[in-house]
PDB file of all heavy atoms in Angstrom:
ATOM      1  N   ALA A   1      20.250  43.332  90.773  1.00  0.00           N
ATOM      2  CA  ALA A   1      20.890  42.443  89.794  1.00  0.00           C
ATOM      3  C   ALA A   1      20.545  42.815  88.351  1.00  0.00           C
ATOM      4  O   ALA A   1      21.440  42.923  87.510  1.00  0.00           O
ATOM      5  CB  ALA A   1      20.510  40.988  90.072  1.00  0.00           C
ATOM      6  N   GLY A   2      19.259  42.997  88.048  1.00  0.00           N
ATOM      7  CA  GLY A   2      18.849  43.332  86.680  1.00  0.00           C
ATOM      8  C   GLY A   2      19.391  44.671  86.204  1.00  0.00           C
ATOM      9  O   GLY A   2      20.003  44.749  85.139  1.00  0.00           O
ATOM     10  N   PRO A   3      19.165  45.752  86.978  1.00  0.00           N
ATOM     11  CA  PRO A   3      19.716  47.045  86.558  1.00  0.00           C
ATOM     12  C   PRO A   3      21.245  47.045  86.456  1.00  0.00           C
ATOM     13  O   PRO A   3      21.815  47.715  85.597  1.00  0.00           O
ATOM     14  CB  PRO A   3      19.242  48.007  87.649  1.00  0.00           C
ATOM     15  CG  PRO A   3      17.969  47.398  88.136  1.00  0.00           C
ATOM     16  CD  PRO A   3      18.234  45.908  88.095  1.00  0.00           C
ATOM     17  N   SER A   4      21.891  46.256  87.303  1.00  0.00           N
ATOM     18  CA  SER A   4      23.355  46.158  87.235  1.00  0.00           C
ATOM     19  C   SER A   4      23.784  45.494  85.924  1.00  0.00           C
ATOM     20  O   SER A   4      24.734  45.929  85.275  1.00  0.00           O
ATOM     21  CB  SER A   4      23.869  45.362  88.433  1.00  0.00           C
ATOM     22  OG  SER A   4      25.255  45.268  88.401  1.00  0.00           O
ATOM     23  N   ALA A   5      23.053  44.455  85.508  1.00  0.00           N
ATOM     24  CA  ALA A   5      23.347  43.801  84.230  1.00  0.00           C
ATOM     25  C   ALA A   5      23.087  44.758  83.063  1.00  0.00           C
ATOM     26  O   ALA A   5      23.872  44.811  82.117  1.00  0.00           O
ATOM     27  CB  ALA A   5      22.510  42.536  84.086  1.00  0.00           C
ATOM     28  N   ALA A   6      21.987  45.520  83.141  1.00  0.00           N
ATOM     29  CA  ALA A   6      21.677  46.498  82.092  1.00  0.00           C
ATOM     30  C   ALA A   6      22.768  47.567  82.019  1.00  0.00           C
ATOM     31  O   ALA A   6      23.119  48.027  80.930  1.00  0.00           O
ATOM     32  CB  ALA A   6      20.314  47.123  82.348  1.00  0.00           C
ATOM     33  N   MET A   7      23.297  47.951  83.173  1.00  0.00           N
ATOM     34  CA  MET A   7      24.377  48.935  83.198  1.00  0.00           C
ATOM     35  C   MET A   7      25.609  48.392  82.474  1.00  0.00           C
ATOM     36  O   MET A   7      26.265  49.112  81.722  1.00  0.00           O
ATOM     37  CB  MET A   7      24.727  49.280  84.650  1.00  0.00           C
ATOM     38  CG  MET A   7      25.839  50.285  84.796  1.00  0.00           C
ATOM     39  SD  MET A   7      26.215  50.690  86.521  1.00  0.00           S
ATOM     40  CE  MET A   7      26.836  49.135  87.125  1.00  0.00           C
ATOM     41  N   ARG A   8      25.892  47.114  82.653  1.00  0.00           N
ATOM     42  CA  ARG A   8      27.037  46.495  81.956  1.00  0.00           C
ATOM     43  C   ARG A   8      26.816  46.495  80.440  1.00  0.00           C
ATOM     44  O   ARG A   8      27.743  46.736  79.672  1.00  0.00           O
ATOM     45  CB  ARG A   8      27.266  45.069  82.444  1.00  0.00           C
ATOM     46  CG  ARG A   8      27.575  44.961  83.901  1.00  0.00           C
ATOM     47  CD  ARG A   8      28.967  45.454  84.203  1.00  0.00           C
ATOM     48  NE  ARG A   8      29.225  45.288  85.622  1.00  0.00           N
ATOM     49  CZ  ARG A   8      29.753  46.207  86.383  1.00  0.00           C
ATOM     50  NH1 ARG A   8      30.107  47.365  85.861  1.00  0.00           N
ATOM     51  NH2 ARG A   8      29.968  46.001  87.654  1.00  0.00           N
ATOM     52  N   LEU A   9      25.574  46.188  80.024  1.00  0.00           N
ATOM     53  CA  LEU A   9      25.267  46.230  78.585  1.00  0.00           C
ATOM     54  C   LEU A   9      25.494  47.637  78.030  1.00  0.00           C
ATOM     55  O   LEU A   9      26.051  47.803  76.947  1.00  0.00           O
ATOM     56  CB  LEU A   9      23.823  45.799  78.335  1.00  0.00           C
ATOM     57  CG  LEU A   9      23.479  44.341  78.632  1.00  0.00           C
ATOM     58  CD1 LEU A   9      21.980  44.119  78.490  1.00  0.00           C
ATOM     59  CD2 LEU A   9      24.253  43.407  77.724  1.00  0.00           C
ATOM     60  N   ALA A  10      25.055  48.646  78.784  1.00  0.00           N
ATOM     61  CA  ALA A  10      25.246  50.033  78.354  1.00  0.00           C
ATOM     62  C   ALA A  10      26.728  50.396  78.314  1.00  0.00           C
ATOM     63  O   ALA A  10      27.175  51.096  77.401  1.00  0.00           O
ATOM     64  CB  ALA A  10      24.491  50.976  79.276  1.00  0.00           C
ATOM     65  N   ASP A  11      27.486  49.916  79.293  1.00  0.00           N
ATOM     66  CA  ASP A  11      28.928  50.172  79.295  1.00  0.00           C
ATOM     67  C   ASP A  11      29.597  49.591  78.048  1.00  0.00           C
ATOM     68  O   ASP A  11      30.610  50.107  77.582  1.00  0.00           O
ATOM     69  CB  ASP A  11      29.591  49.581  80.542  1.00  0.00           C
ATOM     70  CG  ASP A  11      29.270  50.370  81.807  1.00  0.00           C
ATOM     71  OD1 ASP A  11      28.845  51.538  81.702  1.00  0.00           O
ATOM     72  OD2 ASP A  11      29.440  49.803  82.905  1.00  0.00           O
ATOM     73  N   LEU A  12      29.012  48.507  77.513  1.00  0.00           N
ATOM     74  CA  LEU A  12      29.561  47.875  76.315  1.00  0.00           C
ATOM     75  C   LEU A  12      28.993  48.467  75.025  1.00  0.00           C
ATOM     76  O   LEU A  12      29.274  47.997  73.940  1.00  0.00           O
ATOM     77  CB  LEU A  12      29.305  46.366  76.349  1.00  0.00           C
ATOM     78  CG  LEU A  12      30.102  45.613  77.415  1.00  0.00           C
ATOM     79  CD1 LEU A  12      29.603  44.184  77.544  1.00  0.00           C
ATOM     80  CD2 LEU A  12      31.589  45.637  77.074  1.00  0.00           C
ATOM     81  N   GLY A  13      28.150  49.506  75.154  1.00  0.00           N
ATOM     82  CA  GLY A  13      27.695  50.237  73.987  1.00  0.00           C
ATOM     83  C   GLY A  13      26.228  50.104  73.638  1.00  0.00           C
ATOM     84  O   GLY A  13      25.745  50.778  72.740  1.00  0.00           O
ATOM     85  N   ALA A  14      25.482  49.214  74.314  1.00  0.00           N
ATOM     86  CA  ALA A  14      24.060  49.057  74.007  1.00  0.00           C
ATOM     87  C   ALA A  14      23.285  50.281  74.478  1.00  0.00           C
ATOM     88  O   ALA A  14      23.649  50.924  75.461  1.00  0.00           O
ATOM     89  CB  ALA A  14      23.505  47.805  74.684  1.00  0.00           C
ATOM     90  N   ARG A  15      22.217  50.584  73.780  1.00  0.00           N
ATOM     91  CA  ARG A  15      21.287  51.629  74.219  1.00  0.00           C
ATOM     92  C   ARG A  15      20.264  50.925  75.103  1.00  0.00           C
ATOM     93  O   ARG A  15      19.593  49.992  74.657  1.00  0.00           O
ATOM     94  CB  ARG A  15      20.619  52.265  73.013  1.00  0.00           C
ATOM     95  CG  ARG A  15      19.647  53.343  73.378  1.00  0.00           C
ATOM     96  CD  ARG A  15      19.110  54.023  72.123  1.00  0.00           C
ATOM     97  NE  ARG A  15      17.995  54.857  72.511  1.00  0.00           N
ATOM     98  CZ  ARG A  15      16.857  54.918  71.851  1.00  0.00           C
ATOM     99  NH1 ARG A  15      16.688  54.200  70.761  1.00  0.00           N
ATOM    100  NH2 ARG A  15      15.898  55.692  72.273  1.00  0.00           N
ATOM    101  N   VAL A  16      20.136  51.347  76.356  1.00  0.00           N
ATOM    102  CA  VAL A  16      19.260  50.677  77.317  1.00  0.00           C
ATOM    103  C   VAL A  16      18.081  51.578  77.657  1.00  0.00           C
ATOM    104  O   VAL A  16      18.255  52.737  78.018  1.00  0.00           O
ATOM    105  CB  VAL A  16      20.028  50.306  78.606  1.00  0.00           C
ATOM    106  CG1 VAL A  16      19.096  49.675  79.623  1.00  0.00           C
ATOM    107  CG2 VAL A  16      21.184  49.371  78.291  1.00  0.00           C
ATOM    108  N   ILE A  17      16.879  51.025  77.525  1.00  0.00           N
ATOM    109  CA  ILE A  17      15.668  51.720  77.940  1.00  0.00           C
ATOM    110  C   ILE A  17      15.054  50.912  79.071  1.00  0.00           C
ATOM    111  O   ILE A  17      14.750  49.735  78.905  1.00  0.00           O
ATOM    112  CB  ILE A  17      14.672  51.879  76.779  1.00  0.00           C
ATOM    113  CG1 ILE A  17      15.298  52.715  75.668  1.00  0.00           C
ATOM    114  CG2 ILE A  17      13.374  52.511  77.280  1.00  0.00           C
ATOM    115  CD1 ILE A  17      14.452  52.856  74.440  1.00  0.00           C
ATOM    116  N   LYS A  18      14.903  51.547  80.216  1.00  0.00           N
ATOM    117  CA  LYS A  18      14.327  50.898  81.388  1.00  0.00           C
ATOM    118  C   LYS A  18      12.825  51.135  81.380  1.00  0.00           C
ATOM    119  O   LYS A  18      12.370  52.263  81.353  1.00  0.00           O
ATOM    120  CB  LYS A  18      14.953  51.484  82.656  1.00  0.00           C
ATOM    121  CG  LYS A  18      14.432  50.861  83.921  1.00  0.00           C
ATOM    122  CD  LYS A  18      15.236  51.366  85.098  1.00  0.00           C
ATOM    123  CE  LYS A  18      14.784  50.728  86.373  1.00  0.00           C
ATOM    124  NZ  LYS A  18      15.018  49.298  86.412  1.00  0.00           N
ATOM    125  N   ILE A  19      12.049  50.052  81.396  1.00  0.00           N
ATOM    126  CA  ILE A  19      10.599  50.119  81.412  1.00  0.00           C
ATOM    127  C   ILE A  19      10.139  49.907  82.848  1.00  0.00           C
ATOM    128  O   ILE A  19      10.490  48.911  83.477  1.00  0.00           O
ATOM    129  CB  ILE A  19       9.973  49.034  80.498  1.00  0.00           C
ATOM    130  CG1 ILE A  19      10.574  49.083  79.085  1.00  0.00           C
ATOM    131  CG2 ILE A  19       8.455  49.162  80.477  1.00  0.00           C
ATOM    132  CD1 ILE A  19      10.316  50.354  78.325  1.00  0.00           C
ATOM    133  N   GLU A  20       9.365  50.868  83.367  1.00  0.00           N
ATOM    134  CA  GLU A  20       8.926  50.793  84.759  1.00  0.00           C
ATOM    135  C   GLU A  20       7.408  50.809  84.870  1.00  0.00           C
ATOM    136  O   GLU A  20       6.717  51.259  83.964  1.00  0.00           O
ATOM    137  CB  GLU A  20       9.471  51.986  85.559  1.00  0.00           C
ATOM    138  CG  GLU A  20      10.958  51.995  85.673  1.00  0.00           C
ATOM    139  CD  GLU A  20      11.444  53.074  86.617  1.00  0.00           C
ATOM    140  OE1 GLU A  20      10.618  53.746  87.266  1.00  0.00           O
ATOM    141  OE2 GLU A  20      12.659  53.247  86.712  1.00  0.00           O
ATOM    142  N   ARG A  21       6.927  50.328  86.007  1.00  0.00           N
ATOM    143  CA  ARG A  21       5.502  50.389  86.321  1.00  0.00           C
ATOM    144  C   ARG A  21       5.089  51.851  86.457  1.00  0.00           C
ATOM    145  O   ARG A  21       5.847  52.665  86.969  1.00  0.00           O
ATOM    146  CB  ARG A  21       5.217  49.679  87.655  1.00  0.00           C
ATOM    147  CG  ARG A  21       5.575  48.222  87.664  1.00  0.00           C
ATOM    148  CD  ARG A  21       5.438  47.605  89.051  1.00  0.00           C
ATOM    149  NE  ARG A  21       6.259  48.341  90.011  1.00  0.00           N
ATOM    150  CZ  ARG A  21       5.815  48.778  91.189  1.00  0.00           C
ATOM    151  NH1 ARG A  21       4.593  48.558  91.575  1.00  0.00           N
ATOM    152  NH2 ARG A  21       6.621  49.427  92.003  1.00  0.00           N
ATOM    153  N   PRO A  22       3.892  52.212  86.010  1.00  0.00           N
ATOM    154  CA  PRO A  22       3.466  53.613  86.103  1.00  0.00           C
ATOM    155  C   PRO A  22       3.184  54.067  87.529  1.00  0.00           C
ATOM    156  O   PRO A  22       3.250  55.249  87.822  1.00  0.00           O
ATOM    157  CB  PRO A  22       2.191  53.658  85.260  1.00  0.00           C
ATOM    158  CG  PRO A  22       1.697  52.263  85.236  1.00  0.00           C
ATOM    159  CD  PRO A  22       2.910  51.384  85.336  1.00  0.00           C
ATOM    160  N   ASP A  23       2.914  53.153  88.426  1.00  0.00           N
ATOM    161  CA  ASP A  23       2.551  53.516  89.800  1.00  0.00           C
ATOM    162  C   ASP A  23       3.758  53.455  90.739  1.00  0.00           C
ATOM    163  O   ASP A  23       3.821  52.641  91.635  1.00  0.00           O
ATOM    164  CB  ASP A  23       1.428  52.614  90.311  1.00  0.00           C
ATOM    165  CG  ASP A  23       1.799  51.138  90.280  1.00  0.00           C
ATOM    166  OD1 ASP A  23       2.734  50.768  89.543  1.00  0.00           O
ATOM    167  OD2 ASP A  23       1.155  50.355  90.993  1.00  0.00           O
ATOM    168  N   GLY A  24       4.731  54.294  90.505  1.00  0.00           N
ATOM    169  CA  GLY A  24       5.887  54.362  91.389  1.00  0.00           C
ATOM    170  C   GLY A  24       7.188  53.890  90.783  1.00  0.00           C
ATOM    171  O   GLY A  24       8.248  54.121  91.321  1.00  0.00           O
ATOM    172  N   GLY A  25       7.118  53.203  89.666  1.00  0.00           N
ATOM    173  CA  GLY A  25       8.334  52.770  88.999  1.00  0.00           C
ATOM    174  C   GLY A  25       9.054  51.638  89.709  1.00  0.00           C
ATOM    175  O   GLY A  25       8.457  50.857  90.435  1.00  0.00           O
ATOM    176  N   ASP A  26      10.337  51.572  89.512  1.00  0.00           N
ATOM    177  CA  ASP A  26      11.199  50.550  90.094  1.00  0.00           C
ATOM    178  C   ASP A  26      11.195  50.682  91.615  1.00  0.00           C
ATOM    179  O   ASP A  26      11.388  51.772  92.150  1.00  0.00           O
ATOM    180  CB  ASP A  26      12.609  50.751  89.544  1.00  0.00           C
ATOM    181  CG  ASP A  26      13.609  49.695  89.961  1.00  0.00           C
ATOM    182  OD1 ASP A  26      13.355  48.967  90.936  1.00  0.00           O
ATOM    183  OD2 ASP A  26      14.657  49.618  89.302  1.00  0.00           O
ATOM    184  N   LEU A  27      10.992  49.567  92.301  1.00  0.00           N
ATOM    185  CA  LEU A  27      11.010  49.594  93.768  1.00  0.00           C
ATOM    186  C   LEU A  27      12.378  50.003  94.315  1.00  0.00           C
ATOM    187  O   LEU A  27      12.493  50.455  95.445  1.00  0.00           O
ATOM    188  CB  LEU A  27      10.600  48.232  94.323  1.00  0.00           C
ATOM    189  CG  LEU A  27       9.172  47.806  93.992  1.00  0.00           C
ATOM    190  CD1 LEU A  27       8.913  46.384  94.473  1.00  0.00           C
ATOM    191  CD2 LEU A  27       8.180  48.763  94.603  1.00  0.00           C
ATOM    192  N   GLY A  28      13.415  49.860  93.499  1.00  0.00           N
ATOM    193  CA  GLY A  28      14.754  50.275  93.898  1.00  0.00           C
ATOM    194  C   GLY A  28      14.890  51.768  94.126  1.00  0.00           C
ATOM    195  O   GLY A  28      15.857  52.223  94.741  1.00  0.00           O
ATOM    196  N   ARG A  29      13.931  52.549  93.668  1.00  0.00           N
ATOM    197  CA  ARG A  29      13.964  53.994  93.906  1.00  0.00           C
ATOM    198  C   ARG A  29      13.914  54.312  95.404  1.00  0.00           C
ATOM    199  O   ARG A  29      14.365  55.347  95.833  1.00  0.00           O
ATOM    200  CB  ARG A  29      12.792  54.684  93.207  1.00  0.00           C
ATOM    201  CG  ARG A  29      12.912  54.699  91.704  1.00  0.00           C
ATOM    202  CD  ARG A  29      11.689  55.356  91.061  1.00  0.00           C
ATOM    203  NE  ARG A  29      11.806  55.383  89.628  1.00  0.00           N
ATOM    204  CZ  ARG A  29      12.448  56.327  88.935  1.00  0.00           C
ATOM    205  NH1 ARG A  29      13.033  57.312  89.560  1.00  0.00           N
ATOM    206  NH2 ARG A  29      12.499  56.265  87.625  1.00  0.00           N
ATOM    207  N   GLN A  30      13.323  53.399  96.192  1.00  0.00           N
ATOM    208  CA  GLN A  30      13.220  53.603  97.639  1.00  0.00           C
ATOM    209  C   GLN A  30      14.210  52.738  98.422  1.00  0.00           C
ATOM    210  O   GLN A  30      14.084  52.589  99.625  1.00  0.00           O
ATOM    211  CB  GLN A  30      11.795  53.291  98.123  1.00  0.00           C
ATOM    212  CG  GLN A  30      10.786  54.377  97.784  1.00  0.00           C
ATOM    213  CD  GLN A  30      10.374  54.356  96.334  1.00  0.00           C
ATOM    214  OE1 GLN A  30      10.091  53.306  95.784  1.00  0.00           O
ATOM    215  NE2 GLN A  30      10.330  55.515  95.701  1.00  0.00           N
ATOM    216  N   LEU A  31      15.189  52.154  97.751  1.00  0.00           N
ATOM    217  CA  LEU A  31      16.190  51.305  98.394  1.00  0.00           C
ATOM    218  C   LEU A  31      17.383  52.170  98.799  1.00  0.00           C
ATOM    219  O   LEU A  31      18.137  52.638  97.948  1.00  0.00           O
ATOM    220  CB  LEU A  31      16.629  50.205  97.425  1.00  0.00           C
ATOM    221  CG  LEU A  31      17.580  49.158  97.946  1.00  0.00           C
ATOM    222  CD1 LEU A  31      16.932  48.369  99.086  1.00  0.00           C
ATOM    223  CD2 LEU A  31      17.988  48.218  96.832  1.00  0.00           C
ATOM    224  N   TYR A  32      17.526  52.406 100.088  1.00  0.00           N
ATOM    225  CA  TYR A  32      18.559  53.329 100.588  1.00  0.00           C
ATOM    226  C   TYR A  32      19.658  52.587 101.325  1.00  0.00           C
ATOM    227  O   TYR A  32      19.383  51.670 102.099  1.00  0.00           O
ATOM    228  CB  TYR A  32      17.942  54.352 101.543  1.00  0.00           C
ATOM    229  CG  TYR A  32      17.048  55.356 100.854  1.00  0.00           C
ATOM    230  CD1 TYR A  32      15.693  55.106 100.681  1.00  0.00           C
ATOM    231  CD2 TYR A  32      17.567  56.540 100.360  1.00  0.00           C
ATOM    232  CE1 TYR A  32      14.876  56.017 100.035  1.00  0.00           C
ATOM    233  CE2 TYR A  32      16.751  57.460  99.720  1.00  0.00           C
ATOM    234  CZ  TYR A  32      15.416  57.189  99.564  1.00  0.00           C
ATOM    235  OH  TYR A  32      14.607  58.095  98.924  1.00  0.00           O
ATOM    236  N   ILE A  33      20.904  52.978 101.072  1.00  0.00           N
ATOM    237  CA  ILE A  33      22.020  52.519 101.888  1.00  0.00           C
ATOM    238  C   ILE A  33      22.634  53.703 102.634  1.00  0.00           C
ATOM    239  O   ILE A  33      23.550  53.534 103.414  1.00  0.00           O
ATOM    240  CB  ILE A  33      23.096  51.781 101.038  1.00  0.00           C
ATOM    241  CG1 ILE A  33      23.598  52.665  99.905  1.00  0.00           C
ATOM    242  CG2 ILE A  33      22.538  50.481 100.511  1.00  0.00           C
ATOM    243  CD1 ILE A  33      24.767  52.090  99.143  1.00  0.00           C
ATOM    244  N   SER A  34      22.109  54.877 102.373  1.00  0.00           N
ATOM    245  CA  SER A  34      22.513  56.090 103.088  1.00  0.00           C
ATOM    246  C   SER A  34      21.299  57.012 103.126  1.00  0.00           C
ATOM    247  O   SER A  34      20.258  56.697 102.566  1.00  0.00           O
ATOM    248  CB  SER A  34      23.691  56.778 102.377  1.00  0.00           C
ATOM    249  OG  SER A  34      23.262  57.339 101.165  1.00  0.00           O
ATOM    250  N   ASN A  35      21.438  58.134 103.770  1.00  0.00           N
ATOM    251  CA  ASN A  35      20.305  59.065 103.837  1.00  0.00           C
ATOM    252  C   ASN A  35      20.301  60.072 102.682  1.00  0.00           C
ATOM    253  O   ASN A  35      19.582  61.048 102.718  1.00  0.00           O
ATOM    254  CB  ASN A  35      20.297  59.800 105.180  1.00  0.00           C
ATOM    255  CG  ASN A  35      21.566  60.616 105.389  1.00  0.00           C
ATOM    256  OD1 ASN A  35      22.492  60.540 104.596  1.00  0.00           O
ATOM    257  ND2 ASN A  35      21.603  61.368 106.467  1.00  0.00           N
ATOM    258  N   LEU A  36      21.082  59.813 101.655  1.00  0.00           N
ATOM    259  CA  LEU A  36      21.143  60.715 100.503  1.00  0.00           C
ATOM    260  C   LEU A  36      20.108  60.332  99.455  1.00  0.00           C
ATOM    261  O   LEU A  36      19.829  59.159  99.240  1.00  0.00           O
ATOM    262  CB  LEU A  36      22.528  60.656  99.870  1.00  0.00           C
ATOM    263  CG  LEU A  36      23.698  61.080 100.758  1.00  0.00           C
ATOM    264  CD1 LEU A  36      25.006  60.838 100.043  1.00  0.00           C
ATOM    265  CD2 LEU A  36      23.566  62.527 101.166  1.00  0.00           C
ATOM    266  N   GLU A  37      19.535  61.351  98.829  1.00  0.00           N
ATOM    267  CA  GLU A  37      18.633  61.097  97.713  1.00  0.00           C
ATOM    268  C   GLU A  37      18.807  62.186  96.670  1.00  0.00           C
ATOM    269  O   GLU A  37      19.345  63.259  96.934  1.00  0.00           O
ATOM    270  CB  GLU A  37      17.185  60.967  98.164  1.00  0.00           C
ATOM    271  CG  GLU A  37      16.571  62.191  98.778  1.00  0.00           C
ATOM    272  CD  GLU A  37      15.106  61.930  99.141  1.00  0.00           C
ATOM    273  OE1 GLU A  37      14.794  60.900  99.739  1.00  0.00           O
ATOM    274  OE2 GLU A  37      14.297  62.805  98.806  1.00  0.00           O
ATOM    275  N   LEU A  38      18.332  61.904  95.467  1.00  0.00           N
ATOM    276  CA  LEU A  38      18.432  62.816  94.342  1.00  0.00           C
ATOM    277  C   LEU A  38      17.084  62.814  93.635  1.00  0.00           C
ATOM    278  O   LEU A  38      16.607  61.747  93.220  1.00  0.00           O
ATOM    279  CB  LEU A  38      19.547  62.354  93.387  1.00  0.00           C
ATOM    280  CG  LEU A  38      19.797  63.171  92.137  1.00  0.00           C
ATOM    281  CD1 LEU A  38      20.243  64.583  92.503  1.00  0.00           C
ATOM    282  CD2 LEU A  38      20.846  62.499  91.280  1.00  0.00           C
ATOM    283  N   ASP A  39      16.456  63.952  93.523  1.00  0.00           N
ATOM    284  CA  ASP A  39      15.134  64.073  92.893  1.00  0.00           C
ATOM    285  C   ASP A  39      14.106  63.128  93.518  1.00  0.00           C
ATOM    286  O   ASP A  39      13.260  62.565  92.829  1.00  0.00           O
ATOM    287  CB  ASP A  39      15.212  63.817  91.384  1.00  0.00           C
ATOM    288  CG  ASP A  39      16.069  64.840  90.663  1.00  0.00           C
ATOM    289  OD1 ASP A  39      16.120  66.005  91.120  1.00  0.00           O
ATOM    290  OD2 ASP A  39      16.688  64.477  89.646  1.00  0.00           O
ATOM    291  N   GLY A  40      14.194  62.900  94.819  1.00  0.00           N
ATOM    292  CA  GLY A  40      13.239  62.049  95.524  1.00  0.00           C
ATOM    293  C   GLY A  40      13.527  60.568  95.445  1.00  0.00           C
ATOM    294  O   GLY A  40      12.784  59.761  95.986  1.00  0.00           O
ATOM    295  N   ASP A  41      14.586  60.170  94.773  1.00  0.00           N
ATOM    296  CA  ASP A  41      14.958  58.761  94.640  1.00  0.00           C
ATOM    297  C   ASP A  41      16.295  58.519  95.316  1.00  0.00           C
ATOM    298  O   ASP A  41      17.104  59.429  95.472  1.00  0.00           O
ATOM    299  CB  ASP A  41      15.073  58.364  93.166  1.00  0.00           C
ATOM    300  CG  ASP A  41      13.782  58.554  92.402  1.00  0.00           C
ATOM    301  OD1 ASP A  41      12.717  58.238  92.968  1.00  0.00           O
ATOM    302  OD2 ASP A  41      13.846  59.009  91.248  1.00  0.00           O
ATOM    303  N   SER A  42      16.545  57.263  95.679  1.00  0.00           N
ATOM    304  CA  SER A  42      17.810  56.929  96.332  1.00  0.00           C
ATOM    305  C   SER A  42      18.979  57.131  95.369  1.00  0.00           C
ATOM    306  O   SER A  42      18.858  56.942  94.162  1.00  0.00           O
ATOM    307  CB  SER A  42      17.800  55.487  96.844  1.00  0.00           C
ATOM    308  OG  SER A  42      17.952  54.576  95.781  1.00  0.00           O
TER     309      SER A  42
END
């Protein structure tokens, strides 16, 4: 929900900086709906 809202802000022209935890970042990096990944993230 949050990243999706941030994406909408960016689509409307805002510059978006995502701040993540240093120990693994956003938990969504490991959220898979398929077996595809890019650079180790979903």
